[in-house]
Protein backbone atom coordinates (compact mmCIF):
# COMPACT_ATOMS: atom_id res chain seq x y z
CA MET A 1 -11.64 31.55 -31.39
CA ALA A 2 -12.24 28.49 -29.02
CA ALA A 3 -9.90 27.46 -26.39
CA GLN A 4 -7.66 24.23 -26.94
CA LYS A 5 -8.84 21.11 -24.97
CA LYS A 6 -6.71 20.03 -21.93
CA ARG A 7 -4.52 16.58 -22.80
CA VAL A 8 -4.93 14.29 -20.25
CA VAL A 9 -3.43 10.75 -20.45
CA VAL A 10 -5.24 8.13 -18.90
CA GLY A 11 -3.50 4.56 -17.42
CA LEU A 12 -5.39 1.95 -19.43
CA SER A 13 -4.27 -1.11 -17.45
CA GLY A 14 -6.93 -3.23 -19.08
CA GLY A 15 -9.35 -2.97 -15.96
CA VAL A 16 -13.31 -1.45 -16.16
CA ASP A 17 -12.09 1.40 -13.59
CA SER A 18 -9.81 2.53 -15.85
CA SER A 19 -11.79 1.81 -18.85
CA VAL A 20 -14.60 4.25 -17.25
CA ALA A 21 -12.47 7.08 -16.07
CA ALA A 22 -11.22 7.26 -19.33
CA ARG A 23 -14.70 7.90 -20.86
CA VAL A 24 -15.52 9.83 -18.26
CA LEU A 25 -12.79 12.40 -19.06
CA VAL A 26 -14.08 12.01 -22.79
CA ASP A 27 -17.64 13.16 -21.88
CA GLN A 28 -15.83 16.22 -19.82
CA GLY A 29 -14.02 17.47 -22.68
CA TYR A 30 -10.71 16.51 -22.32
CA GLU A 31 -8.58 15.13 -25.70
CA VAL A 32 -7.39 11.63 -23.67
CA ILE A 33 -4.91 9.39 -25.14
CA GLY A 34 -4.65 5.93 -23.43
CA LEU A 35 -1.20 4.43 -22.93
CA PHE A 36 -1.08 0.74 -21.29
CA MET A 37 2.43 0.55 -19.45
CA LYS A 38 3.82 -3.24 -19.15
CA ASN A 39 5.53 -3.32 -15.96
CA TRP A 40 6.61 -7.03 -15.65
CA HIS A 41 7.28 -10.18 -17.40
CA ASP A 42 8.79 -12.46 -15.44
CA THR A 43 6.28 -15.51 -14.35
CA THR A 44 8.45 -17.20 -11.68
CA GLY A 45 5.94 -17.67 -8.47
CA VAL A 46 3.18 -16.28 -10.16
CA LEU A 47 0.10 -18.23 -9.86
CA GLU A 48 -0.73 -19.52 -13.23
CA ALA A 49 -3.07 -17.54 -15.13
CA ASP A 50 -2.29 -14.94 -13.38
CA CYS A 51 -1.39 -11.24 -14.55
CA PRO A 52 -1.78 -12.14 -18.49
CA TRP A 53 -0.44 -9.03 -18.76
CA LEU A 54 -0.87 -9.43 -22.74
CA ASP A 55 -4.33 -9.95 -21.99
CA ASP A 56 -4.61 -6.97 -20.42
CA LYS A 57 -2.90 -4.70 -23.14
CA TYR A 58 -5.39 -6.15 -25.90
CA ASP A 59 -8.34 -5.29 -23.64
CA ALA A 60 -7.26 -1.67 -23.12
CA GLU A 61 -6.06 -1.20 -26.46
CA ALA A 62 -10.02 -2.39 -27.43
CA VAL A 63 -11.84 0.04 -25.01
CA ALA A 64 -9.50 2.42 -26.85
CA ARG A 65 -10.88 1.90 -29.91
CA LYS A 66 -14.71 1.55 -28.27
CA LEU A 67 -13.98 5.46 -26.98
CA GLY A 68 -12.45 7.14 -30.10
CA ILE A 69 -8.90 7.82 -28.42
CA PRO A 70 -5.89 6.75 -29.63
CA PHE A 71 -3.29 3.99 -27.88
CA HIS A 72 -0.31 4.17 -27.01
CA PHE A 73 1.61 1.49 -25.30
CA VAL A 74 5.17 1.59 -23.45
CA ASP A 75 7.47 -0.80 -20.98
CA LEU A 76 8.46 0.43 -17.74
CA SER A 77 9.65 -3.29 -16.76
CA ALA A 78 13.35 -1.98 -15.59
CA GLU A 79 12.11 0.93 -13.99
CA TYR A 80 9.32 -1.21 -12.28
CA ARG A 81 11.93 -3.88 -10.99
CA ALA A 82 14.94 -1.50 -9.96
CA ARG A 83 13.11 0.72 -7.70
CA VAL A 84 10.14 -1.54 -6.82
CA VAL A 85 11.08 -5.09 -7.45
CA ASP A 86 14.40 -4.90 -5.79
CA TYR A 87 13.54 -2.83 -2.79
CA MET A 88 10.99 -5.65 -1.64
CA PHE A 89 13.43 -8.39 -1.89
CA SER A 90 15.85 -5.94 -0.20
CA GLU A 91 13.10 -5.20 2.64
CA TYR A 92 11.97 -8.83 2.52
CA GLU A 93 15.92 -9.77 3.84
CA LYS A 94 15.58 -7.54 6.52
CA GLY A 95 12.59 -8.84 7.81
CA ARG A 96 10.85 -6.36 6.81
CA THR A 97 6.79 -6.25 4.84
CA PRO A 98 7.17 -3.86 2.44
CA ASN A 99 3.90 -2.87 0.45
CA PRO A 100 4.71 -2.61 -3.33
CA ASP A 101 1.33 -1.11 -4.40
CA VAL A 102 1.94 1.95 -2.55
CA LEU A 103 5.78 2.16 -3.82
CA CYS A 104 4.10 1.73 -7.83
CA ASN A 105 2.16 4.62 -7.34
CA ARG A 106 4.65 6.63 -6.18
CA GLU A 107 7.51 5.85 -8.20
CA ILE A 108 6.04 4.42 -11.30
CA LYS A 109 2.59 5.70 -12.36
CA PHE A 110 3.35 9.17 -10.53
CA ASP A 111 6.75 9.35 -11.73
CA VAL A 112 8.28 7.60 -14.56
CA PHE A 113 5.38 7.20 -16.18
CA MET A 114 3.68 10.43 -15.37
CA GLU A 115 7.13 11.47 -17.56
CA LYS A 116 6.09 9.49 -20.62
CA ALA A 117 2.50 10.92 -20.72
CA PHE A 118 4.18 14.68 -20.38
CA GLU A 119 6.58 13.32 -23.89
CA LEU A 120 2.98 12.73 -25.38
CA GLY A 121 2.23 16.43 -24.59
CA ALA A 122 -0.25 15.56 -21.52
CA ASP A 123 -1.37 18.42 -18.92
CA PHE A 124 -3.12 16.23 -16.84
CA VAL A 125 -2.46 11.83 -15.63
CA ALA A 126 -5.43 10.09 -15.12
CA THR A 127 -5.74 6.90 -13.47
CA GLY A 128 -8.91 4.59 -12.03
CA HIS A 129 -8.54 5.12 -8.39
CA TYR A 130 -11.41 5.47 -6.06
CA CYS A 131 -10.38 8.77 -4.56
CA ARG A 132 -10.62 12.38 -5.35
CA LYS A 133 -8.34 15.34 -5.01
CA GLU A 134 -9.73 19.30 -4.14
CA THR A 135 -7.13 22.02 -4.81
CA ILE A 136 -7.45 25.04 -2.56
CA LYS A 137 -5.95 28.71 -2.62
CA THR A 138 -4.01 29.99 -0.20
CA ALA A 139 -1.96 33.23 0.16
CA SER A 140 1.08 31.05 -0.65
CA GLY A 141 -0.76 29.07 -3.61
CA LYS A 142 -2.58 26.33 -4.35
CA ILE A 143 -2.50 23.17 -2.20
CA TYR A 144 -3.83 19.69 -3.34
CA ARG A 145 -6.09 17.80 -1.13
CA LEU A 146 -6.13 14.08 -1.62
CA LEU A 147 -9.52 12.71 -0.30
CA ALA A 148 -10.93 9.19 0.35
CA GLY A 149 -12.50 7.69 -2.15
CA ALA A 150 -17.11 8.53 -2.60
CA ASP A 151 -17.27 4.45 -2.40
CA SER A 152 -16.10 3.45 1.29
CA ASN A 153 -15.86 0.01 0.28
CA LYS A 154 -13.18 0.49 -2.79
CA ASP A 155 -11.42 3.78 -1.32
CA GLN A 156 -7.80 3.34 -2.54
CA SER A 157 -6.68 6.95 -1.31
CA TYR A 158 -4.46 4.55 1.06
CA PHE A 159 -2.14 2.99 -1.49
CA LEU A 160 -1.55 7.02 -3.17
CA CYS A 161 -0.40 7.84 0.81
CA GLN A 162 2.98 8.66 -0.77
CA LEU A 163 2.08 11.24 -2.98
CA SER A 164 3.33 14.61 -3.28
CA GLN A 165 2.12 17.90 -3.98
CA PRO A 166 3.95 18.63 -7.51
CA GLN A 167 2.36 14.53 -8.53
CA LEU A 168 -1.09 15.31 -7.24
CA ALA A 169 -1.10 18.71 -8.84
CA ASN A 170 -0.82 17.02 -12.43
CA ALA A 171 -3.33 14.19 -11.42
CA LEU A 172 -6.73 13.31 -11.79
CA PHE A 173 -8.94 10.98 -10.25
CA PRO A 174 -12.19 10.83 -12.73
CA ILE A 175 -14.06 8.02 -10.97
CA GLY A 176 -13.40 9.22 -7.39
CA ASP A 177 -17.07 10.25 -6.78
CA MET A 178 -18.30 6.96 -7.91
CA VAL A 179 -19.52 3.78 -6.44
CA LYS A 180 -17.98 0.38 -8.05
CA PRO A 181 -21.86 -0.82 -9.35
CA GLU A 182 -22.28 2.28 -11.03
CA VAL A 183 -18.29 1.92 -12.71
CA ARG A 184 -19.32 -1.37 -14.03
CA LYS A 185 -23.07 -0.26 -14.89
CA ILE A 186 -21.30 2.37 -16.82
CA ALA A 187 -18.98 -0.28 -18.77
CA GLY A 188 -21.80 -2.13 -19.17
CA GLU A 189 -24.38 0.24 -20.85
CA LEU A 190 -21.27 1.23 -23.44
CA LYS A 191 -20.83 -2.75 -24.30
CA LEU A 192 -16.97 -2.38 -23.01
CA ILE A 193 -14.87 -5.46 -23.24
CA THR A 194 -14.11 -4.48 -19.13
CA ALA A 195 -17.43 -4.39 -18.36
CA HIS A 196 -17.56 -7.86 -16.50
CA LYS A 197 -13.96 -8.28 -15.87
CA LYS A 198 -12.64 -9.10 -12.70
CA ASP A 199 -10.76 -6.65 -10.41
CA SER A 200 -7.30 -7.44 -10.02
CA GLN A 201 -5.73 -9.34 -7.15
CA GLY A 202 -2.50 -9.66 -5.71
CA ILE A 203 1.12 -7.49 -6.22
CA CYS A 204 0.58 -4.54 -8.64
CA PHE A 205 1.73 -5.69 -12.22
CA VAL A 206 2.86 -8.99 -11.26
CA GLY A 207 -0.05 -10.39 -10.02
CA LYS A 208 -1.33 -13.49 -7.08
CA VAL A 209 2.12 -14.73 -6.31
CA ASP A 210 3.56 -17.86 -4.07
CA LEU A 211 5.16 -15.22 -1.86
CA PRO A 212 8.09 -17.90 -0.77
CA VAL A 213 8.78 -18.62 -4.65
CA PHE A 214 8.61 -15.33 -5.63
CA LEU A 215 11.12 -13.90 -3.36
CA GLN A 216 13.43 -17.40 -3.80
CA GLN A 217 14.70 -15.59 -7.03
CA LYS A 218 16.56 -13.60 -4.77
CA LEU A 219 16.19 -14.84 -1.24
CA GLU A 220 17.94 -18.37 -0.49
CA ALA A 221 16.14 -20.74 1.44
CA LYS A 222 17.22 -22.16 4.58
CA LYS A 223 15.82 -24.41 7.19
CA GLY A 224 15.42 -22.73 10.64
CA LYS A 225 13.09 -23.60 13.68
CA VAL A 226 9.59 -22.45 14.94
CA PHE A 227 8.60 -21.49 18.45
CA LEU A 228 5.57 -21.97 20.15
CA ILE A 229 5.56 -18.80 22.58
CA PRO A 230 2.64 -18.79 25.22
CA PRO A 231 0.35 -15.39 25.67
CA GLU A 232 1.22 -14.66 29.45
CA SER A 233 4.86 -14.52 28.61
CA GLU A 234 7.12 -12.03 30.72
CA VAL A 235 8.02 -10.35 27.00
CA PHE A 236 4.80 -8.96 26.63
CA ASP A 237 4.92 -7.19 30.10
CA ARG A 238 5.88 -3.81 28.42
CA GLN A 239 2.79 -3.58 25.96
CA TRP A 240 0.32 -2.00 28.55
CA ARG A 241 3.10 0.28 30.35
CA MET A 242 1.57 4.23 29.19
CA ALA A 243 1.66 7.21 31.26
CA ASP A 244 -0.46 10.21 30.21
CA ASN A 245 -1.27 11.88 27.16
CA GLU A 246 2.27 12.86 27.00
CA PRO A 247 4.19 10.02 27.39
CA SER A 248 8.22 10.24 27.70
CA ASP A 249 10.37 9.29 24.53
CA GLU A 250 12.00 6.57 26.45
CA ILE A 251 8.04 4.89 27.24
CA LEU A 252 7.54 5.84 23.31
CA GLU A 253 10.67 4.00 22.05
CA ASP A 254 9.95 0.96 24.30
CA LEU A 255 6.17 0.67 23.58
CA ALA A 256 7.04 1.65 19.68
CA LYS A 257 9.88 -1.74 19.40
CA PRO A 258 8.72 -4.95 18.21
CA TYR A 259 8.75 -7.62 20.34
CA HIS A 260 11.67 -9.42 20.78
CA PHE A 261 11.61 -13.30 21.13
CA HIS A 262 13.86 -15.71 22.08
CA PRO A 263 13.24 -19.50 21.94
CA LYS A 264 13.87 -19.51 26.06
CA TYR A 265 10.09 -18.04 25.94
CA GLY A 266 8.23 -20.62 24.20
CA GLU A 267 9.40 -24.50 22.87
CA LYS A 268 10.15 -26.12 19.44
CA ILE A 269 6.83 -26.95 17.32
CA GLY A 270 8.06 -27.49 13.74
CA GLU A 271 10.15 -25.97 11.48
CA HIS A 272 10.39 -23.51 8.37
CA ASN A 273 11.82 -22.57 4.54
CA GLY A 274 13.34 -19.31 5.82
CA ALA A 275 12.53 -16.43 8.52
CA HIS A 276 12.28 -13.86 5.65
CA PHE A 277 9.43 -15.55 3.68
CA TYR A 278 7.10 -14.79 6.61
CA THR A 279 5.43 -11.65 8.41
CA ILE A 280 3.66 -10.42 11.02
CA GLY A 281 -0.07 -11.72 11.53
CA GLN A 282 0.44 -14.55 9.03
CA ARG A 283 -1.67 -17.49 9.58
CA LYS A 284 -0.88 -19.85 5.81
CA GLY A 285 2.79 -21.32 4.78
CA LEU A 286 3.16 -22.82 7.84
CA ASP A 287 2.54 -26.48 7.85
CA ILE A 288 1.94 -27.01 11.68
CA GLY A 289 -1.08 -28.37 12.56
CA GLY A 290 -2.33 -30.44 16.07
CA PHE A 291 -3.49 -27.56 17.65
CA PRO A 292 -6.42 -26.14 18.92
CA GLU A 293 -6.41 -23.23 17.51
CA PRO A 294 -4.77 -21.44 14.19
CA LEU A 295 -1.40 -20.64 14.15
CA PHE A 296 -0.40 -16.98 13.62
CA VAL A 297 3.47 -14.98 12.97
CA ILE A 298 4.05 -13.02 15.58
CA GLY A 299 7.77 -12.24 15.48
CA ILE A 300 10.43 -12.89 13.07
CA ASP A 301 14.63 -12.85 13.71
CA VAL A 302 16.12 -13.33 10.12
CA ASP A 303 19.79 -12.91 12.31
CA PHE A 304 19.43 -16.22 13.53
CA ASN A 305 16.57 -17.71 11.04
CA GLN A 306 13.77 -18.55 13.86
CA VAL A 307 10.16 -17.99 13.23
CA PHE A 308 7.69 -17.58 16.62
CA VAL A 309 3.97 -18.21 16.71
CA GLY A 310 1.18 -17.44 18.81
CA MET A 311 -1.81 -19.25 18.88
CA GLY A 312 -5.45 -18.06 18.30
CA LYS A 313 -6.05 -14.91 16.40
CA GLU A 314 -6.01 -12.85 19.82
CA HIS A 315 -2.64 -13.65 20.84
CA THR A 316 -0.82 -11.64 23.05
CA GLY A 317 1.98 -10.87 20.36
CA LEU A 318 0.00 -10.03 17.72
CA PHE A 319 -1.03 -6.99 19.36
CA ARG A 320 0.66 -3.59 20.04
CA ARG A 321 -0.51 0.64 20.95
CA VAL A 322 2.31 2.48 19.56
CA LEU A 323 3.95 2.11 16.33
CA LYS A 324 7.80 4.05 15.33
CA ILE A 325 8.29 6.11 11.62
CA ASN A 326 11.73 7.22 11.79
CA ASN A 327 12.41 10.94 10.41
CA ASN A 328 13.58 10.27 7.30
CA GLU A 329 10.41 7.79 6.57
CA VAL A 330 7.60 10.75 7.25
CA HIS A 331 5.94 11.67 4.15
CA TRP A 332 3.04 14.92 4.55
CA ILE A 333 1.12 15.40 1.57
CA ARG A 334 0.48 18.34 3.07
CA PRO A 335 3.58 20.08 3.89
CA ASP A 336 1.73 22.89 5.54
CA LEU A 337 0.07 20.37 7.94
CA ALA A 338 3.45 19.41 9.37
CA LEU A 339 3.68 18.52 12.52
CA GLU A 340 6.86 20.24 14.56
CA THR A 341 9.30 18.98 17.20
CA GLY A 342 7.39 18.04 20.46
CA GLU A 343 3.69 18.86 18.47
CA SER A 344 0.98 16.07 19.29
CA ARG A 345 -2.23 16.20 16.77
CA ARG A 346 -4.86 13.42 17.52
CA LEU A 347 -5.55 11.75 13.81
CA LYS A 348 -7.32 8.90 12.26
CA VAL A 349 -4.60 6.12 11.55
CA ARG A 350 -4.76 3.44 9.12
CA ILE A 351 -2.27 0.61 9.24
CA ARG A 352 -2.70 -1.54 5.81
CA TYR A 353 -5.44 -1.38 3.51
CA ARG A 354 -9.52 -1.53 3.72
CA GLN A 355 -8.47 -1.20 7.39
CA PRO A 356 -11.15 0.58 9.16
CA LEU A 357 -9.41 4.21 10.66
CA GLN A 358 -8.51 3.90 13.93
CA ASN A 359 -8.33 6.56 16.69
CA GLY A 360 -5.05 7.85 17.68
CA VAL A 361 -2.61 10.54 18.75
CA LEU A 362 0.65 11.64 16.68
CA HIS A 363 3.37 12.24 18.54
CA GLN A 364 6.98 14.37 16.98
CA ARG A 365 9.57 13.54 18.45
CA ALA A 366 13.21 14.63 17.99
CA SER A 367 14.19 10.64 17.01
CA GLY A 368 10.70 10.04 15.22
CA LEU A 369 7.22 10.07 14.67
CA PHE A 370 5.08 8.14 17.36
CA ILE A 371 1.42 6.83 17.07
CA VAL A 372 0.06 5.66 20.22
CA PHE A 373 -3.47 4.28 18.89
CA ASP A 374 -6.48 4.18 21.53
CA GLU A 375 -7.01 0.60 20.96
CA PRO A 376 -4.33 -1.86 20.76
CA GLN A 377 -3.50 -3.04 16.53
CA ARG A 378 -3.08 -6.30 15.39
CA GLY A 379 -0.31 -7.26 13.07
CA ILE A 380 1.73 -3.78 13.79
CA THR A 381 4.55 -4.74 10.67
CA SER A 382 7.67 -3.37 10.01
CA GLY A 383 8.16 -2.09 6.63
CA GLN A 384 4.26 -1.38 5.93
CA PHE A 385 2.98 1.98 5.86
CA ALA A 386 0.65 3.85 8.38
CA ALA A 387 -1.45 6.94 7.12
CA TRP A 388 -3.25 9.35 8.72
CA TYR A 389 -6.07 11.09 7.64
CA GLU A 390 -8.02 15.00 8.88
CA GLY A 391 -11.74 13.84 8.08
CA ASP A 392 -11.61 12.39 4.82
CA GLU A 393 -8.51 13.76 3.65
CA LEU A 394 -5.11 12.29 3.61
CA THR A 395 -2.30 14.46 4.96
CA GLY A 396 0.89 12.30 5.61
CA SER A 397 2.12 8.72 5.99
CA GLY A 398 5.31 6.88 6.58
CA VAL A 399 7.07 3.48 6.93
CA ILE A 400 6.57 1.36 10.23
CA SER A 401 10.07 1.03 11.80
């Protein structure tokens, strides 16, 4: 008697990556079901012609017909608003910059969506992410490793940095060993409607947005002052102070704090419509001209509604060497590799998608996890995720405090 096929529900997004992922699964002998999720329908702040979810649904359905697999639809917009968008609003209101794509994967694709897939009898859930999964066996059971995608230009492991072992156990990444041109080629040969479709951009499931307009759904616009801070300001005096390879808790705490600016350090050069609409490293949206070099946001104060900027992309205020992750925000994909209090480990780290991996040392202290980089990092931003790697394996992550 033939063994029953394993059933895989693939998240068909209407894009080329998930389309080819579905085809790969069919070729591998799985029983494949396509499931399209609608997560957003409010067009407030969404730039014209972006995120046409209905067109994506039609494309996903056409791919399912072409591949000869069943197609289902689920509306998760209520869960998406509650678990991703409301969190975004809350973080921006506090002057932090969240990463909705990371949250979407943790809270929606590999949680709520996974539950819907199980209701369809799924053994696994598959997506079109460019990353890989490897299973290793230990005396205590199976351990799942999250590895970078084979295509270094498209590696999306960072976006999955908050997944857990149970989530990885039921996940498949069929195109993780492929490069993008190969994926496009397969789609073209199959004459899939998504073969030449542009990759989606912007906020996960929302699309490209005019962020201030989008945020004004919940956050009030209010006039405030913009101050120019010179690079030689005394506020930067602390940043290069570093002791030996095992710096004290006091030094780590001091260097991990975002710069605390005050109008006395600079001069007023303009106005803004709300400090919570800005983020560290931002260049566009200031609408202040007349300077020899571009202006970049180097600090915001939402309590006093002030924005602080520096001139030039190499401004001192854009760089820091140390960041902190509070203990309740530290997440180990590999709990067996977690640092104990007092331990340190040299790893590779990135603080944003597509950033080349940076050398640094993780220090687990009683008050939190500190990352000390070998080189100063540009644009360390509260609310974003830092992810760390051993070789090509992503082993953990956390929200920058």
